[in-house]
C-alpha atoms as a PDB file:
ATOM      1  CA  UNK A   1      89.743 108.820  82.250  1.00  0.00           C
ATOM      2  CA  UNK A   2      93.203 107.376  81.729  1.00  0.00           C
ATOM      3  CA  UNK A   3      94.452 104.102  80.351  1.00  0.00           C
ATOM      4  CA  UNK A   4      93.258 100.790  81.682  1.00  0.00           C
ATOM      5  CA  UNK A   5      95.930  99.058  83.746  1.00  0.00           C
ATOM      6  CA  UNK A   6      96.609  95.378  83.140  1.00  0.00           C
ATOM      7  CA  UNK A   7      95.063  93.215  85.865  1.00  0.00           C
ATOM      8  CA  UNK A   8      92.725  95.889  87.246  1.00  0.00           C
ATOM      9  CA  UNK A   9      89.089  94.769  87.145  1.00  0.00           C
ATOM     10  CA  UNK A  10      86.026  96.990  87.535  1.00  0.00           C
ATOM     11  CA  UNK A  11      82.949  94.921  88.304  1.00  0.00           C
ATOM     12  CA  UNK A  12      79.664  96.763  87.757  1.00  0.00           C
ATOM     13  CA  UNK A  13      77.231  95.989  90.560  1.00  0.00           C
ATOM     14  CA  UNK A  14      73.467  95.569  90.374  1.00  0.00           C
ATOM     15  CA  UNK A  15      71.051  96.965  92.948  1.00  0.00           C
ATOM     16  CA  UNK A  16      67.855  95.008  93.530  1.00  0.00           C
ATOM     17  CA  UNK A  17      65.437  97.656  94.852  1.00  0.00           C
ATOM     18  CA  UNK A  18      61.990  97.198  96.337  1.00  0.00           C
ATOM     19  CA  UNK A  19      59.701  99.209  98.603  1.00  0.00           C
ATOM     20  CA  UNK A  20      61.969  98.467 101.617  1.00  0.00           C
ATOM     21  CA  UNK A  21      65.241  99.682 100.058  1.00  0.00           C
ATOM     22  CA  UNK A  22      67.676  97.569  98.051  1.00  0.00           C
ATOM     23  CA  UNK A  23      69.952  94.520  98.139  1.00  0.00           C
ATOM     24  CA  UNK A  24      73.284  94.341  96.316  1.00  0.00           C
ATOM     25  CA  UNK A  25      75.974  91.656  96.077  1.00  0.00           C
ATOM     26  CA  UNK A  26      79.518  93.082  96.220  1.00  0.00           C
ATOM     27  CA  UNK A  27      82.021  90.200  96.034  1.00  0.00           C
ATOM     28  CA  UNK A  28      81.345  86.527  95.410  1.00  0.00           C
ATOM     29  CA  UNK A  29      83.584  83.469  95.405  1.00  0.00           C
ATOM     30  CA  UNK A  30      82.548  82.677  91.825  1.00  0.00           C
ATOM     31  CA  UNK A  31      83.787  86.097  90.617  1.00  0.00           C
ATOM     32  CA  UNK A  32      87.214  84.414  90.654  1.00  0.00           C
ATOM     33  CA  UNK A  33      88.788  87.656  91.891  1.00  0.00           C
ATOM     34  CA  UNK A  34      89.520  86.853  95.521  1.00  0.00           C
ATOM     35  CA  UNK A  35      92.569  84.575  95.725  1.00  0.00           C
ATOM     36  CA  UNK A  36      92.281  84.512  99.527  1.00  0.00           C
ATOM     37  CA  UNK A  37      90.191  86.324 102.126  1.00  0.00           C
ATOM     38  CA  UNK A  38      92.193  88.479 104.526  1.00  0.00           C
ATOM     39  CA  UNK A  39      89.864  91.076 106.002  1.00  0.00           C
ATOM     40  CA  UNK A  40      87.261  93.737 105.311  1.00  0.00           C
ATOM     41  CA  UNK A  41      87.572  97.282 106.648  1.00  0.00           C
ATOM     42  CA  UNK A  42      85.569 100.473 106.254  1.00  0.00           C
ATOM     43  CA  UNK A  43      86.686 104.091 106.036  1.00  0.00           C
ATOM     44  CA  UNK A  44      84.770 107.371 106.227  1.00  0.00           C
ATOM     45  CA  UNK A  45      86.578 110.195 104.417  1.00  0.00           C
ATOM     46  CA  UNK A  46      85.484 113.824 104.324  1.00  0.00           C
ATOM     47  CA  UNK A  47      84.872 115.965 101.202  1.00  0.00           C
ATOM     48  CA  UNK A  48      87.997 117.165  99.397  1.00  0.00           C
ATOM     49  CA  UNK A  49      90.344 114.790 101.251  1.00  0.00           C
ATOM     50  CA  UNK A  50      92.996 112.948  99.239  1.00  0.00           C
ATOM     51  CA  UNK A  51      94.145 109.553 100.532  1.00  0.00           C
ATOM     52  CA  UNK A  52      97.028 108.575  98.270  1.00  0.00           C
ATOM     53  CA  UNK A  53      99.244 106.882  97.296  1.00  0.00           C
ATOM     54  CA  UNK A  54     100.114 103.504  98.757  1.00  0.00           C
ATOM     55  CA  UNK A  55     100.778 100.007  97.446  1.00  0.00           C
ATOM     56  CA  UNK A  56     101.257  96.462  98.739  1.00  0.00           C
ATOM     57  CA  UNK A  57     103.843  93.757  98.088  1.00  0.00           C
ATOM     58  CA  UNK A  58     101.594  90.805  98.988  1.00  0.00           C
ATOM     59  CA  UNK A  59      98.003  92.015  99.166  1.00  0.00           C
ATOM     60  CA  UNK A  60      95.342  92.623  96.548  1.00  0.00           C
ATOM     61  CA  UNK A  61      92.704  95.247  97.404  1.00  0.00           C
ATOM     62  CA  UNK A  62      89.056  95.640  96.474  1.00  0.00           C
ATOM     63  CA  UNK A  63      87.459  99.104  96.791  1.00  0.00           C
ATOM     64  CA  UNK A  64      83.710  99.567  97.129  1.00  0.00           C
ATOM     65  CA  UNK A  65      82.198 103.042  97.600  1.00  0.00           C
ATOM     66  CA  UNK A  66      78.926 102.601  99.515  1.00  0.00           C
ATOM     67  CA  UNK A  67      78.104 106.324  99.930  1.00  0.00           C
ATOM     68  CA  UNK A  68      79.444 109.445  98.253  1.00  0.00           C
ATOM     69  CA  UNK A  69      81.636 109.888  95.195  1.00  0.00           C
ATOM     70  CA  UNK A  70      85.363 109.295  94.823  1.00  0.00           C
ATOM     71  CA  UNK A  71      87.960 109.668  92.104  1.00  0.00           C
ATOM     72  CA  UNK A  72      90.087 106.520  92.419  1.00  0.00           C
ATOM     73  CA  UNK A  73      93.553 106.844  90.896  1.00  0.00           C
ATOM     74  CA  UNK A  74      95.731 103.840  90.077  1.00  0.00           C
ATOM     75  CA  UNK A  75      99.346 103.873  88.928  1.00  0.00           C
ATOM     76  CA  UNK A  76     101.083 100.785  87.541  1.00  0.00           C
ATOM     77  CA  UNK A  77     104.495 100.547  89.176  1.00  0.00           C
ATOM     78  CA  UNK A  78     105.083  96.874  88.179  1.00  0.00           C
ATOM     79  CA  UNK A  79     108.252  96.929  86.045  1.00  0.00           C
ATOM     80  CA  UNK A  80     107.346  93.804  84.032  1.00  0.00           C
ATOM     81  CA  UNK A  81     103.794  94.939  83.265  1.00  0.00           C
ATOM     82  CA  UNK A  82     102.618  95.857  79.776  1.00  0.00           C
ATOM     83  CA  UNK A  83     101.026  98.960  81.332  1.00  0.00           C
ATOM     84  CA  UNK A  84     104.019 100.003  83.463  1.00  0.00           C
ATOM     85  CA  UNK A  85     103.928 103.745  84.197  1.00  0.00           C
ATOM     86  CA  UNK A  86     100.263 104.125  83.186  1.00  0.00           C
ATOM     87  CA  UNK A  87      97.663 105.926  85.281  1.00  0.00           C
ATOM     88  CA  UNK A  88      94.016 104.870  85.414  1.00  0.00           C
ATOM     89  CA  UNK A  89      91.246 107.055  86.853  1.00  0.00           C
ATOM     90  CA  UNK A  90      87.942 105.520  87.918  1.00  0.00           C
ATOM     91  CA  UNK A  91      84.934 107.466  89.180  1.00  0.00           C
ATOM     92  CA  UNK A  92      83.437 105.373  91.965  1.00  0.00           C
ATOM     93  CA  UNK A  93      79.986 106.704  92.807  1.00  0.00           C
ATOM     94  CA  UNK A  94      77.211 105.476  95.055  1.00  0.00           C
ATOM     95  CA  UNK A  95      74.705 105.832  92.187  1.00  0.00           C
ATOM     96  CA  UNK A  96      76.785 103.696  89.810  1.00  0.00           C
ATOM     97  CA  UNK A  97      77.996 100.955  92.172  1.00  0.00           C
ATOM     98  CA  UNK A  98      81.120  99.002  91.308  1.00  0.00           C
ATOM     99  CA  UNK A  99      83.836  96.898  92.869  1.00  0.00           C
ATOM    100  CA  UNK A 100      87.401  97.782  91.889  1.00  0.00           C
ATOM    101  CA  UNK A 101      90.006  94.992  92.036  1.00  0.00           C
ATOM    102  CA  UNK A 102      93.505  96.432  92.558  1.00  0.00           C
ATOM    103  CA  UNK A 103      96.342  93.911  92.172  1.00  0.00           C
ATOM    104  CA  UNK A 104      99.353  94.029  94.466  1.00  0.00           C
ATOM    105  CA  UNK A 105     102.090  96.504  93.501  1.00  0.00           C
ATOM    106  CA  UNK A 106      99.601  98.918  91.855  1.00  0.00           C
ATOM    107  CA  UNK A 107      99.827 102.282  93.639  1.00  0.00           C
ATOM    108  CA  UNK A 108      96.367 103.521  94.528  1.00  0.00           C
ATOM    109  CA  UNK A 109      94.479 106.265  96.271  1.00  0.00           C
ATOM    110  CA  UNK A 110      91.442 108.458  95.992  1.00  0.00           C
ATOM    111  CA  UNK A 111      89.974 111.922  96.383  1.00  0.00           C
ATOM    112  CA  UNK A 112      86.499 112.566  97.774  1.00  0.00           C
ATOM    113  CA  UNK A 113      84.375 114.512  95.289  1.00  0.00           C
ATOM    114  CA  UNK A 114      81.390 116.733  96.042  1.00  0.00           C
ATOM    115  CA  UNK A 115      80.195 117.829  99.466  1.00  0.00           C
ATOM    116  CA  UNK A 116      79.331 114.444 100.946  1.00  0.00           C
ATOM    117  CA  UNK A 117      81.725 112.100 102.811  1.00  0.00           C
ATOM    118  CA  UNK A 118      82.720 108.810 101.194  1.00  0.00           C
ATOM    119  CA  UNK A 119      82.021 105.558 102.985  1.00  0.00           C
ATOM    120  CA  UNK A 120      84.398 103.024 101.430  1.00  0.00           C
ATOM    121  CA  UNK A 121      84.746  99.332 102.151  1.00  0.00           C
ATOM    122  CA  UNK A 122      88.107  97.678 101.567  1.00  0.00           C
ATOM    123  CA  UNK A 123      88.263  93.941 101.042  1.00  0.00           C
ATOM    124  CA  UNK A 124      91.813  92.575 101.210  1.00  0.00           C
ATOM    125  CA  UNK A 125      93.529  89.276 100.564  1.00  0.00           C
ATOM    126  CA  UNK A 126      95.756  89.652 103.650  1.00  0.00           C
ATOM    127  CA  UNK A 127      94.977  90.685 107.225  1.00  0.00           C
ATOM    128  CA  UNK A 128      96.642  93.864 108.432  1.00  0.00           C
ATOM    129  CA  UNK A 129      99.713  93.220 110.599  1.00  0.00           C
ATOM    130  CA  UNK A 130     100.584  96.324 112.629  1.00  0.00           C
ATOM    131  CA  UNK A 131     104.051  94.918 113.460  1.00  0.00           C
ATOM    132  CA  UNK A 132     104.892  94.269 109.809  1.00  0.00           C
ATOM    133  CA  UNK A 133     102.496  96.265 107.601  1.00  0.00           C
ATOM    134  CA  UNK A 134     102.339  95.413 103.911  1.00  0.00           C
ATOM    135  CA  UNK A 135     101.994  99.027 102.887  1.00  0.00           C
ATOM    136  CA  UNK A 136     104.393 101.337 101.125  1.00  0.00           C
ATOM    137  CA  UNK A 137     103.537 105.041 100.886  1.00  0.00           C
ATOM    138  CA  UNK A 138     104.101 107.468  98.007  1.00  0.00           C
ATOM    139  CA  UNK A 139     103.387 111.202  98.238  1.00  0.00           C
ATOM    140  CA  UNK A 140     100.144 112.108  96.391  1.00  0.00           C
ATOM    141  CA  UNK A 141     102.081 114.747  94.440  1.00  0.00           C
ATOM    142  CA  UNK A 142     105.016 112.476  93.556  1.00  0.00           C
ATOM    143  CA  UNK A 143     106.645 113.823  90.376  1.00  0.00           C
ATOM    144  CA  UNK A 144     107.274 110.290  89.073  1.00  0.00           C
ATOM    145  CA  UNK A 145     103.519 109.638  89.010  1.00  0.00           C
ATOM    146  CA  UNK A 146     102.690 113.233  88.102  1.00  0.00           C
ATOM    147  CA  UNK A 147      98.954 113.085  88.774  1.00  0.00           C
ATOM    148  CA  UNK A 148      97.064 116.404  88.896  1.00  0.00           C
ATOM    149  CA  UNK A 149      94.555 116.050  91.745  1.00  0.00           C
ATOM    150  CA  UNK A 150      93.005 119.422  90.935  1.00  0.00           C
ATOM    151  CA  UNK A 151      91.410 118.040  87.768  1.00  0.00           C
ATOM    152  CA  UNK A 152      88.345 116.945  89.749  1.00  0.00           C
END
């Protein structure tokens, strides 16, 4: 699924089911992943849609897919990184819950797989500032990244 990128963390999550449904912890202070709490947001994305790529100068992101299946694609654009220029692909599925920690300056995006929308929660270390957004966009088909979205 691609090389692991330095600093990216995938935390497997555990569902605690009972006759009423289930309970699951997503992000805890003792995970030592969240340097600062900024905000949490949620996005519903329809089947086949690609939301990519973007990156942040100051903010770390955490992706959690609550419903549906997504192919999350990360690209290390940090020039001093040991994994500079590497791509990492992570299948984030509702039936195999995980939290993906994406450090600042890692380009990231995703494609919705299957025929069900994806409900994704984003936890961020900075609050969104509409007047000065910490978000830089890269075309999903950027030749420098060279990712083939049709492979899923």
